[in-house]
């Protein structure tokens, strides 16, 4: 997951290095969005996170490849930077694992 409270370039790099080292067969990778009512959602300042309004039509969908959006930012990473890094890491993780989410036998 990317965009967690306190996320910065160092933590993103730690995640990338972990994937390089572990090389799982499959992976899931998403942009963080706290649920309403959770401590992070209620107290974003305590958690170094900004939460932006989510349009109703996007409130239940995690996104489609190439259409992911961030509705959070940290002091170190803007929404746009989280989206950019998500795309870079998603491609790297797909290459590392040779697994394409949503593709294959059912």
PDB file of N, CA and C in Angstrom:
ATOM      1  N   UNK A   1       0.847  -1.172   0.000  1.00  0.00           N
ATOM      2  CA  UNK A   1       0.000   0.000   0.000  1.00  0.00           C
ATOM      3  C   UNK A   1       0.890   1.232   0.000  1.00  0.00           C
ATOM      4  N   UNK A   2       0.430   2.242  -0.695  1.00  0.00           N
ATOM      5  CA  UNK A   2       1.161   3.507  -0.743  1.00  0.00           C
ATOM      6  C   UNK A   2       0.237   4.622  -0.269  1.00  0.00           C
ATOM      7  N   UNK A   3       0.820   5.639   0.348  1.00  0.00           N
ATOM      8  CA  UNK A   3       0.043   6.769   0.833  1.00  0.00           C
ATOM      9  C   UNK A   3      -0.399   6.628   2.273  1.00  0.00           C
ATOM     10  N   UNK A   4       0.189   5.685   2.976  1.00  0.00           N
ATOM     11  CA  UNK A   4      -0.133   5.505   4.388  1.00  0.00           C
ATOM     12  C   UNK A   4       0.312   6.725   5.189  1.00  0.00           C
ATOM     13  N   UNK A   5      -0.274   6.942   6.352  1.00  0.00           N
ATOM     14  CA  UNK A   5       0.164   8.058   7.179  1.00  0.00           C
ATOM     15  C   UNK A   5       1.684   8.060   7.358  1.00  0.00           C
ATOM     16  N   UNK A   6       2.290   9.224   7.144  1.00  0.00           N
ATOM     17  CA  UNK A   6       3.731   9.357   7.295  1.00  0.00           C
ATOM     18  C   UNK A   6       4.541   8.892   6.097  1.00  0.00           C
ATOM     19  N   UNK A   7       3.885   8.459   5.023  1.00  0.00           N
ATOM     20  CA  UNK A   7       4.613   7.964   3.839  1.00  0.00           C
ATOM     21  C   UNK A   7       5.547   9.040   3.310  1.00  0.00           C
ATOM     22  N   UNK A   8       6.738   8.618   2.912  1.00  0.00           N
ATOM     23  CA  UNK A   8       7.713   9.516   2.304  1.00  0.00           C
ATOM     24  C   UNK A   8       8.531   8.719   1.294  1.00  0.00           C
ATOM     25  N   UNK A   9       9.489   9.358   0.655  1.00  0.00           N
ATOM     26  CA  UNK A   9      10.281   8.660  -0.367  1.00  0.00           C
ATOM     27  C   UNK A   9      11.051   7.479   0.223  1.00  0.00           C
ATOM     28  N   UNK A  10      11.505   7.609   1.449  1.00  0.00           N
ATOM     29  CA  UNK A  10      12.257   6.526   2.088  1.00  0.00           C
ATOM     30  C   UNK A  10      11.366   5.298   2.306  1.00  0.00           C
ATOM     31  N   UNK A  11      10.139   5.498   2.775  1.00  0.00           N
ATOM     32  CA  UNK A  11       9.259   4.354   3.017  1.00  0.00           C
ATOM     33  C   UNK A  11       8.832   3.706   1.696  1.00  0.00           C
ATOM     34  N   UNK A  12       8.662   4.514   0.653  1.00  0.00           N
ATOM     35  CA  UNK A  12       8.351   3.962  -0.670  1.00  0.00           C
ATOM     36  C   UNK A  12       9.515   3.103  -1.154  1.00  0.00           C
ATOM     37  N   UNK A  13      10.725   3.584  -0.963  1.00  0.00           N
ATOM     38  CA  UNK A  13      11.905   2.824  -1.368  1.00  0.00           C
ATOM     39  C   UNK A  13      12.040   1.537  -0.558  1.00  0.00           C
ATOM     40  N   UNK A  14      11.711   1.578   0.722  1.00  0.00           N
ATOM     41  CA  UNK A  14      11.745   0.364   1.547  1.00  0.00           C
ATOM     42  C   UNK A  14      10.768  -0.683   1.006  1.00  0.00           C
ATOM     43  N   UNK A  15       9.586  -0.234   0.592  1.00  0.00           N
ATOM     44  CA  UNK A  15       8.603  -1.147   0.013  1.00  0.00           C
ATOM     45  C   UNK A  15       9.136  -1.755  -1.281  1.00  0.00           C
ATOM     46  N   UNK A  16       9.731  -0.929  -2.135  1.00  0.00           N
ATOM     47  CA  UNK A  16      10.297  -1.417  -3.401  1.00  0.00           C
ATOM     48  C   UNK A  16      11.390  -2.453  -3.146  1.00  0.00           C
ATOM     49  N   UNK A  17      12.280  -2.165  -2.209  1.00  0.00           N
ATOM     50  CA  UNK A  17      13.358  -3.100  -1.891  1.00  0.00           C
ATOM     51  C   UNK A  17      12.818  -4.406  -1.314  1.00  0.00           C
ATOM     52  N   UNK A  18      11.775  -4.320  -0.501  1.00  0.00           N
ATOM     53  CA  UNK A  18      11.172  -5.523   0.066  1.00  0.00           C
ATOM     54  C   UNK A  18      10.622  -6.407  -1.057  1.00  0.00           C
ATOM     55  N   UNK A  19       9.934  -5.803  -2.019  1.00  0.00           N
ATOM     56  CA  UNK A  19       9.406  -6.585  -3.149  1.00  0.00           C
ATOM     57  C   UNK A  19      10.543  -7.221  -3.944  1.00  0.00           C
ATOM     58  N   UNK A  20      11.616  -6.498  -4.148  1.00  0.00           N
ATOM     59  CA  UNK A  20      12.787  -7.048  -4.853  1.00  0.00           C
ATOM     60  C   UNK A  20      13.337  -8.269  -4.125  1.00  0.00           C
ATOM     61  N   UNK A  21      13.409  -8.167  -2.812  1.00  0.00           N
ATOM     62  CA  UNK A  21      13.987  -9.232  -1.998  1.00  0.00           C
ATOM     63  C   UNK A  21      13.052 -10.440  -1.887  1.00  0.00           C
ATOM     64  N   UNK A  22      11.787 -10.207  -1.640  1.00  0.00           N
ATOM     65  CA  UNK A  22      10.838 -11.289  -1.369  1.00  0.00           C
ATOM     66  C   UNK A  22      10.324 -11.941  -2.658  1.00  0.00           C
ATOM     67  N   UNK A  23      10.071 -11.150  -3.678  1.00  0.00           N
ATOM     68  CA  UNK A  23       9.571 -11.633  -4.966  1.00  0.00           C
ATOM     69  C   UNK A  23       8.395 -12.597  -4.830  1.00  0.00           C
ATOM     70  N   UNK A  24       7.275 -12.108  -4.327  1.00  0.00           N
ATOM     71  CA  UNK A  24       6.106 -12.984  -4.172  1.00  0.00           C
ATOM     72  C   UNK A  24       5.559 -13.419  -5.526  1.00  0.00           C
ATOM     73  N   UNK A  25       4.780 -14.495  -5.529  1.00  0.00           N
ATOM     74  CA  UNK A  25       4.165 -14.970  -6.767  1.00  0.00           C
ATOM     75  C   UNK A  25       3.090 -14.011  -7.255  1.00  0.00           C
ATOM     76  N   UNK A  26       2.366 -13.429  -6.323  1.00  0.00           N
ATOM     77  CA  UNK A  26       1.308 -12.469  -6.627  1.00  0.00           C
ATOM     78  C   UNK A  26       1.417 -11.308  -5.652  1.00  0.00           C
ATOM     79  N   UNK A  27       0.749 -10.233  -5.967  1.00  0.00           N
ATOM     80  CA  UNK A  27       0.742  -9.101  -5.061  1.00  0.00           C
ATOM     81  C   UNK A  27      -0.550  -8.321  -5.212  1.00  0.00           C
ATOM     82  N   UNK A  28      -0.878  -7.580  -4.184  1.00  0.00           N
ATOM     83  CA  UNK A  28      -1.953  -6.602  -4.229  1.00  0.00           C
ATOM     84  C   UNK A  28      -1.335  -5.267  -3.865  1.00  0.00           C
ATOM     85  N   UNK A  29      -1.726  -4.221  -4.542  1.00  0.00           N
ATOM     86  CA  UNK A  29      -1.105  -2.920  -4.296  1.00  0.00           C
ATOM     87  C   UNK A  29      -2.165  -1.853  -4.507  1.00  0.00           C
ATOM     88  N   UNK A  30      -2.399  -1.038  -3.492  1.00  0.00           N
ATOM     89  CA  UNK A  30      -3.439  -0.015  -3.553  1.00  0.00           C
ATOM     90  C   UNK A  30      -2.960   1.283  -2.920  1.00  0.00           C
ATOM     91  N   UNK A  31      -3.714   2.327  -3.179  1.00  0.00           N
ATOM     92  CA  UNK A  31      -3.485   3.623  -2.541  1.00  0.00           C
ATOM     93  C   UNK A  31      -4.351   3.680  -1.286  1.00  0.00           C
ATOM     94  N   UNK A  32      -3.742   4.071  -0.187  1.00  0.00           N
ATOM     95  CA  UNK A  32      -4.433   4.126   1.102  1.00  0.00           C
ATOM     96  C   UNK A  32      -5.592   5.120   1.085  1.00  0.00           C
ATOM     97  N   UNK A  33      -6.689   4.722   1.700  1.00  0.00           N
ATOM     98  CA  UNK A  33      -7.804   5.615   1.979  1.00  0.00           C
ATOM     99  C   UNK A  33      -8.451   5.131   3.260  1.00  0.00           C
ATOM    100  N   UNK A  34      -8.397   5.934   4.320  1.00  0.00           N
ATOM    101  CA  UNK A  34      -8.978   5.484   5.591  1.00  0.00           C
ATOM    102  C   UNK A  34     -10.497   5.422   5.529  1.00  0.00           C
ATOM    103  N   UNK A  35     -11.063   4.459   6.231  1.00  0.00           N
ATOM    104  CA  UNK A  35     -12.509   4.366   6.346  1.00  0.00           C
ATOM    105  C   UNK A  35     -13.025   5.478   7.249  1.00  0.00           C
ATOM    106  N   UNK A  36     -14.204   5.996   6.910  1.00  0.00           N
ATOM    107  CA  UNK A  36     -14.856   6.997   7.755  1.00  0.00           C
ATOM    108  C   UNK A  36     -15.047   6.415   9.153  1.00  0.00           C
ATOM    109  N   UNK A  37     -14.796   7.231  10.145  1.00  0.00           N
ATOM    110  CA  UNK A  37     -14.993   6.811  11.530  1.00  0.00           C
ATOM    111  C   UNK A  37     -13.764   6.224  12.190  1.00  0.00           C
ATOM    112  N   UNK A  38     -12.727   5.896  11.415  1.00  0.00           N
ATOM    113  CA  UNK A  38     -11.507   5.349  12.014  1.00  0.00           C
ATOM    114  C   UNK A  38     -10.694   6.478  12.638  1.00  0.00           C
ATOM    115  N   UNK A  39      -9.773   6.139  13.547  1.00  0.00           N
ATOM    116  CA  UNK A  39      -8.939   7.185  14.153  1.00  0.00           C
ATOM    117  C   UNK A  39      -8.190   8.035  13.122  1.00  0.00           C
ATOM    118  N   UNK A  40      -7.674   7.415  12.070  1.00  0.00           N
ATOM    119  CA  UNK A  40      -6.957   8.185  11.047  1.00  0.00           C
ATOM    120  C   UNK A  40      -7.902   9.169  10.365  1.00  0.00           C
ATOM    121  N   UNK A  41      -9.092   8.720  10.046  1.00  0.00           N
ATOM    122  CA  UNK A  41     -10.074   9.567   9.370  1.00  0.00           C
ATOM    123  C   UNK A  41     -10.514  10.721  10.265  1.00  0.00           C
ATOM    124  N   UNK A  42     -10.721  10.436  11.525  1.00  0.00           N
ATOM    125  CA  UNK A  42     -11.191  11.458  12.470  1.00  0.00           C
ATOM    126  C   UNK A  42     -10.102  12.455  12.860  1.00  0.00           C
ATOM    127  N   UNK A  43      -8.834  12.026  12.842  1.00  0.00           N
ATOM    128  CA  UNK A  43      -7.716  12.848  13.327  1.00  0.00           C
ATOM    129  C   UNK A  43      -6.558  12.863  12.343  1.00  0.00           C
ATOM    130  N   UNK A  44      -6.756  13.313  11.122  1.00  0.00           N
ATOM    131  CA  UNK A  44      -5.685  13.234  10.124  1.00  0.00           C
ATOM    132  C   UNK A  44      -4.406  13.971  10.525  1.00  0.00           C
ATOM    133  N   UNK A  45      -4.529  15.073  11.246  1.00  0.00           N
ATOM    134  CA  UNK A  45      -3.335  15.824  11.650  1.00  0.00           C
ATOM    135  C   UNK A  45      -2.419  15.006  12.552  1.00  0.00           C
ATOM    136  N   UNK A  46      -2.986  14.165  13.376  1.00  0.00           N
ATOM    137  CA  UNK A  46      -2.185  13.308  14.257  1.00  0.00           C
ATOM    138  C   UNK A  46      -1.380  12.278  13.475  1.00  0.00           C
ATOM    139  N   UNK A  47      -1.834  11.982  12.268  1.00  0.00           N
ATOM    140  CA  UNK A  47      -1.243  10.888  11.491  1.00  0.00           C
ATOM    141  C   UNK A  47      -0.477  11.362  10.259  1.00  0.00           C
ATOM    142  N   UNK A  48      -0.173  12.653  10.166  1.00  0.00           N
ATOM    143  CA  UNK A  48       0.557  13.190   9.015  1.00  0.00           C
ATOM    144  C   UNK A  48      -0.119  12.782   7.713  1.00  0.00           C
ATOM    145  N   UNK A  49      -1.402  13.077   7.620  1.00  0.00           N
ATOM    146  CA  UNK A  49      -2.120  12.759   6.390  1.00  0.00           C
ATOM    147  C   UNK A  49      -3.190  13.818   6.142  1.00  0.00           C
ATOM    148  N   UNK A  50      -3.378  14.135   4.880  1.00  0.00           N
ATOM    149  CA  UNK A  50      -4.472  14.991   4.458  1.00  0.00           C
ATOM    150  C   UNK A  50      -5.449  14.103   3.707  1.00  0.00           C
ATOM    151  N   UNK A  51      -6.719  14.287   3.959  1.00  0.00           N
ATOM    152  CA  UNK A  51      -7.751  13.508   3.288  1.00  0.00           C
ATOM    153  C   UNK A  51      -8.600  14.467   2.462  1.00  0.00           C
ATOM    154  N   UNK A  52      -8.777  14.144   1.194  1.00  0.00           N
ATOM    155  CA  UNK A  52      -9.536  14.978   0.277  1.00  0.00           C
ATOM    156  C   UNK A  52     -10.894  14.334  -0.007  1.00  0.00           C
ATOM    157  N   UNK A  53     -11.853  15.163  -0.378  1.00  0.00           N
ATOM    158  CA  UNK A  53     -13.183  14.662  -0.690  1.00  0.00           C
ATOM    159  C   UNK A  53     -13.128  13.658  -1.844  1.00  0.00           C
ATOM    160  N   UNK A  54     -13.904  12.602  -1.689  1.00  0.00           N
ATOM    161  CA  UNK A  54     -14.000  11.570  -2.710  1.00  0.00           C
ATOM    162  C   UNK A  54     -15.346  11.719  -3.408  1.00  0.00           C
ATOM    163  N   UNK A  55     -15.344  11.899  -4.726  1.00  0.00           N
ATOM    164  CA  UNK A  55     -16.619  11.978  -5.432  1.00  0.00           C
ATOM    165  C   UNK A  55     -17.426  10.694  -5.219  1.00  0.00           C
ATOM    166  N   UNK A  56     -18.726  10.825  -5.093  1.00  0.00           N
ATOM    167  CA  UNK A  56     -19.604   9.679  -4.829  1.00  0.00           C
ATOM    168  C   UNK A  56     -19.337   8.517  -5.790  1.00  0.00           C
ATOM    169  N   UNK A  57     -19.155   8.816  -7.067  1.00  0.00           N
ATOM    170  CA  UNK A  57     -18.964   7.748  -8.054  1.00  0.00           C
ATOM    171  C   UNK A  57     -17.646   6.991  -7.879  1.00  0.00           C
ATOM    172  N   UNK A  58     -16.746   7.520  -7.073  1.00  0.00           N
ATOM    173  CA  UNK A  58     -15.466   6.843  -6.833  1.00  0.00           C
ATOM    174  C   UNK A  58     -15.352   6.319  -5.411  1.00  0.00           C
ATOM    175  N   UNK A  59     -16.386   6.477  -4.617  1.00  0.00           N
ATOM    176  CA  UNK A  59     -16.304   6.134  -3.199  1.00  0.00           C
ATOM    177  C   UNK A  59     -16.313   4.632  -2.939  1.00  0.00           C
ATOM    178  N   UNK A  60     -16.686   3.825  -3.874  1.00  0.00           N
ATOM    179  CA  UNK A  60     -16.774   2.384  -3.649  1.00  0.00           C
ATOM    180  C   UNK A  60     -15.835   1.590  -4.539  1.00  0.00           C
ATOM    181  N   UNK A  61     -15.131   2.256  -5.424  1.00  0.00           N
ATOM    182  CA  UNK A  61     -14.264   1.555  -6.386  1.00  0.00           C
ATOM    183  C   UNK A  61     -12.814   1.820  -6.058  1.00  0.00           C
ATOM    184  N   UNK A  62     -11.968   0.796  -6.102  1.00  0.00           N
ATOM    185  CA  UNK A  62     -10.548   1.043  -5.822  1.00  0.00           C
ATOM    186  C   UNK A  62      -9.808   1.524  -7.055  1.00  0.00           C
ATOM    187  N   UNK A  63     -10.434   1.437  -8.209  1.00  0.00           N
ATOM    188  CA  UNK A  63      -9.821   1.958  -9.423  1.00  0.00           C
ATOM    189  C   UNK A  63      -9.559   0.891 -10.453  1.00  0.00           C
ATOM    190  N   UNK A  64      -9.304   1.344 -11.642  1.00  0.00           N
ATOM    191  CA  UNK A  64      -8.938   0.466 -12.742  1.00  0.00           C
ATOM    192  C   UNK A  64      -7.515   0.814 -13.151  1.00  0.00           C
ATOM    193  N   UNK A  65      -6.816  -0.166 -13.658  1.00  0.00           N
ATOM    194  CA  UNK A  65      -5.433   0.076 -14.038  1.00  0.00           C
ATOM    195  C   UNK A  65      -5.341   1.313 -14.929  1.00  0.00           C
ATOM    196  N   UNK A  66      -4.449   2.217 -14.560  1.00  0.00           N
ATOM    197  CA  UNK A  66      -4.257   3.453 -15.288  1.00  0.00           C
ATOM    198  C   UNK A  66      -5.206   4.571 -14.874  1.00  0.00           C
ATOM    199  N   UNK A  67      -6.167   4.267 -14.001  1.00  0.00           N
ATOM    200  CA  UNK A  67      -7.146   5.267 -13.580  1.00  0.00           C
ATOM    201  C   UNK A  67      -7.162   5.472 -12.065  1.00  0.00           C
ATOM    202  N   UNK A  68      -6.135   5.036 -11.373  1.00  0.00           N
ATOM    203  CA  UNK A  68      -6.106   5.164  -9.920  1.00  0.00           C
ATOM    204  C   UNK A  68      -5.949   6.620  -9.526  1.00  0.00           C
ATOM    205  N   UNK A  69      -6.633   7.004  -8.452  1.00  0.00           N
ATOM    206  CA  UNK A  69      -6.514   8.351  -7.917  1.00  0.00           C
ATOM    207  C   UNK A  69      -6.215   8.288  -6.429  1.00  0.00           C
ATOM    208  N   UNK A  70      -5.469   9.257  -5.975  1.00  0.00           N
ATOM    209  CA  UNK A  70      -5.192   9.374  -4.546  1.00  0.00           C
ATOM    210  C   UNK A  70      -6.079  10.450  -3.957  1.00  0.00           C
ATOM    211  N   UNK A  71      -6.707  10.121  -2.842  1.00  0.00           N
ATOM    212  CA  UNK A  71      -7.498  11.095  -2.116  1.00  0.00           C
ATOM    213  C   UNK A  71      -6.853  11.400  -0.773  1.00  0.00           C
ATOM    214  N   UNK A  72      -5.551  11.071  -0.681  1.00  0.00           N
ATOM    215  CA  UNK A  72      -4.754  11.390   0.496  1.00  0.00           C
ATOM    216  C   UNK A  72      -3.423  11.993   0.049  1.00  0.00           C
ATOM    217  N   UNK A  73      -2.784  12.695   0.972  1.00  0.00           N
ATOM    218  CA  UNK A  73      -1.435  13.220   0.791  1.00  0.00           C
ATOM    219  C   UNK A  73      -0.772  13.218   2.157  1.00  0.00           C
ATOM    220  N   UNK A  74       0.548  13.197   2.172  1.00  0.00           N
ATOM    221  CA  UNK A  74       1.294  13.329   3.421  1.00  0.00           C
ATOM    222  C   UNK A  74       2.132  14.601   3.326  1.00  0.00           C
ATOM    223  N   UNK A  75       2.822  14.928   4.397  1.00  0.00           N
ATOM    224  CA  UNK A  75       3.690  16.110   4.336  1.00  0.00           C
ATOM    225  C   UNK A  75       4.760  15.963   3.268  1.00  0.00           C
ATOM    226  N   UNK A  76       5.200  14.745   3.007  1.00  0.00           N
ATOM    227  CA  UNK A  76       6.285  14.514   2.052  1.00  0.00           C
ATOM    228  C   UNK A  76       5.801  14.223   0.639  1.00  0.00           C
ATOM    229  N   UNK A  77       4.573  13.706   0.484  1.00  0.00           N
ATOM    230  CA  UNK A  77       4.098  13.276  -0.833  1.00  0.00           C
ATOM    231  C   UNK A  77       2.721  13.877  -1.137  1.00  0.00           C
ATOM    232  N   UNK A  78       2.646  14.575  -2.251  1.00  0.00           N
ATOM    233  CA  UNK A  78       1.365  15.124  -2.697  1.00  0.00           C
ATOM    234  C   UNK A  78       0.503  14.009  -3.287  1.00  0.00           C
ATOM    235  N   UNK A  79      -0.753  14.322  -3.518  1.00  0.00           N
ATOM    236  CA  UNK A  79      -1.641  13.356  -4.169  1.00  0.00           C
ATOM    237  C   UNK A  79      -1.065  12.930  -5.514  1.00  0.00           C
ATOM    238  N   UNK A  80      -0.600  13.906  -6.300  1.00  0.00           N
ATOM    239  CA  UNK A  80      -0.041  13.588  -7.621  1.00  0.00           C
ATOM    240  C   UNK A  80       1.195  12.712  -7.514  1.00  0.00           C
ATOM    241  N   UNK A  81       2.022  12.984  -6.522  1.00  0.00           N
ATOM    242  CA  UNK A  81       3.237  12.188  -6.359  1.00  0.00           C
ATOM    243  C   UNK A  81       2.897  10.769  -5.913  1.00  0.00           C
ATOM    244  N   UNK A  82       1.904  10.611  -5.054  1.00  0.00           N
ATOM    245  CA  UNK A  82       1.466   9.270  -4.653  1.00  0.00           C
ATOM    246  C   UNK A  82       0.952   8.514  -5.875  1.00  0.00           C
ATOM    247  N   UNK A  83       0.169   9.170  -6.717  1.00  0.00           N
ATOM    248  CA  UNK A  83      -0.331   8.528  -7.937  1.00  0.00           C
ATOM    249  C   UNK A  83       0.818   8.143  -8.862  1.00  0.00           C
ATOM    250  N   UNK A  84       1.792   9.044  -9.031  1.00  0.00           N
ATOM    251  CA  UNK A  84       2.939   8.759  -9.903  1.00  0.00           C
ATOM    252  C   UNK A  84       3.736   7.575  -9.379  1.00  0.00           C
ATOM    253  N   UNK A  85       4.052   7.600  -8.084  1.00  0.00           N
ATOM    254  CA  UNK A  85       4.825   6.514  -7.486  1.00  0.00           C
ATOM    255  C   UNK A  85       4.055   5.200  -7.518  1.00  0.00           C
ATOM    256  N   UNK A  86       2.742   5.262  -7.333  1.00  0.00           N
ATOM    257  CA  UNK A  86       1.916   4.069  -7.443  1.00  0.00           C
ATOM    258  C   UNK A  86       2.095   3.429  -8.813  1.00  0.00           C
ATOM    259  N   UNK A  87       2.024   4.243  -9.868  1.00  0.00           N
ATOM    260  CA  UNK A  87       2.186   3.731 -11.229  1.00  0.00           C
ATOM    261  C   UNK A  87       3.553   3.119 -11.463  1.00  0.00           C
ATOM    262  N   UNK A  88       4.590   3.798 -10.995  1.00  0.00           N
ATOM    263  CA  UNK A  88       5.959   3.294 -11.146  1.00  0.00           C
ATOM    264  C   UNK A  88       6.118   1.960 -10.412  1.00  0.00           C
ATOM    265  N   UNK A  89       5.683   1.929  -9.153  1.00  0.00           N
ATOM    266  CA  UNK A  89       5.846   0.707  -8.359  1.00  0.00           C
ATOM    267  C   UNK A  89       4.978  -0.424  -8.884  1.00  0.00           C
ATOM    268  N   UNK A  90       3.758  -0.134  -9.320  1.00  0.00           N
ATOM    269  CA  UNK A  90       2.880  -1.174  -9.857  1.00  0.00           C
ATOM    270  C   UNK A  90       3.550  -1.848 -11.049  1.00  0.00           C
ATOM    271  N   UNK A  91       4.139  -1.060 -11.930  1.00  0.00           N
ATOM    272  CA  UNK A  91       4.853  -1.608 -13.087  1.00  0.00           C
ATOM    273  C   UNK A  91       6.054  -2.430 -12.636  1.00  0.00           C
ATOM    274  N   UNK A  92       6.838  -1.908 -11.699  1.00  0.00           N
ATOM    275  CA  UNK A  92       8.008  -2.642 -11.198  1.00  0.00           C
ATOM    276  C   UNK A  92       7.591  -3.945 -10.536  1.00  0.00           C
ATOM    277  N   UNK A  93       6.537  -3.912  -9.719  1.00  0.00           N
ATOM    278  CA  UNK A  93       6.087  -5.121  -9.032  1.00  0.00           C
ATOM    279  C   UNK A  93       5.566  -6.145 -10.028  1.00  0.00           C
ATOM    280  N   UNK A  94       4.878  -5.684 -11.069  1.00  0.00           N
ATOM    281  CA  UNK A  94       4.407  -6.602 -12.115  1.00  0.00           C
ATOM    282  C   UNK A  94       5.587  -7.260 -12.812  1.00  0.00           C
ATOM    283  N   UNK A  95       6.636  -6.484 -13.079  1.00  0.00           N
ATOM    284  CA  UNK A  95       7.835  -7.038 -13.714  1.00  0.00           C
ATOM    285  C   UNK A  95       8.560  -8.015 -12.790  1.00  0.00           C
ATOM    286  N   UNK A  96       8.686  -7.654 -11.518  1.00  0.00           N
ATOM    287  CA  UNK A  96       9.373  -8.502 -10.545  1.00  0.00           C
ATOM    288  C   UNK A  96       8.678  -9.847 -10.407  1.00  0.00           C
ATOM    289  N   UNK A  97       7.357  -9.825 -10.346  1.00  0.00           N
ATOM    290  CA  UNK A  97       6.613 -11.050 -10.089  1.00  0.00           C
ATOM    291  C   UNK A  97       6.176 -11.776 -11.358  1.00  0.00           C
ATOM    292  N   UNK A  98       6.262 -11.089 -12.497  1.00  0.00           N
ATOM    293  CA  UNK A  98       5.745 -11.624 -13.761  1.00  0.00           C
ATOM    294  C   UNK A  98       4.266 -11.964 -13.660  1.00  0.00           C
ATOM    295  N   UNK A  99       3.570 -11.274 -12.780  1.00  0.00           N
ATOM    296  CA  UNK A  99       2.140 -11.498 -12.572  1.00  0.00           C
ATOM    297  C   UNK A  99       1.393 -10.224 -12.926  1.00  0.00           C
ATOM    298  N   UNK A 100       0.368 -10.371 -13.714  1.00  0.00           N
ATOM    299  CA  UNK A 100      -0.463  -9.252 -14.090  1.00  0.00           C
ATOM    300  C   UNK A 100      -1.825  -9.418 -13.409  1.00  0.00           C
ATOM    301  N   UNK A 101      -2.131  -8.608 -12.403  1.00  0.00           N
ATOM    302  CA  UNK A 101      -3.414  -8.725 -11.714  1.00  0.00           C
ATOM    303  C   UNK A 101      -4.578  -8.707 -12.691  1.00  0.00           C
ATOM    304  N   UNK A 102      -5.525  -9.604 -12.469  1.00  0.00           N
ATOM    305  CA  UNK A 102      -6.700  -9.659 -13.332  1.00  0.00           C
ATOM    306  C   UNK A 102      -6.501 -10.467 -14.586  1.00  0.00           C
ATOM    307  N   UNK A 103      -5.303 -11.006 -14.797  1.00  0.00           N
ATOM    308  CA  UNK A 103      -5.015 -11.766 -16.006  1.00  0.00           C
ATOM    309  C   UNK A 103      -4.668 -13.194 -15.608  1.00  0.00           C
ATOM    310  N   UNK A 104      -5.191 -14.146 -16.325  1.00  0.00           N
ATOM    311  CA  UNK A 104      -4.824 -15.544 -16.053  1.00  0.00           C
ATOM    312  C   UNK A 104      -6.044 -16.430 -15.922  1.00  0.00           C
ATOM    313  N   UNK A 105      -5.820 -17.636 -15.459  1.00  0.00           N
ATOM    314  CA  UNK A 105      -6.887 -18.616 -15.327  1.00  0.00           C
ATOM    315  C   UNK A 105      -7.837 -18.228 -14.207  1.00  0.00           C
ATOM    316  N   UNK A 106      -9.094 -18.563 -14.430  1.00  0.00           N
ATOM    317  CA  UNK A 106     -10.111 -18.309 -13.395  1.00  0.00           C
ATOM    318  C   UNK A 106     -10.495 -19.607 -12.748  1.00  0.00           C
TER     319      UNK A 106
END
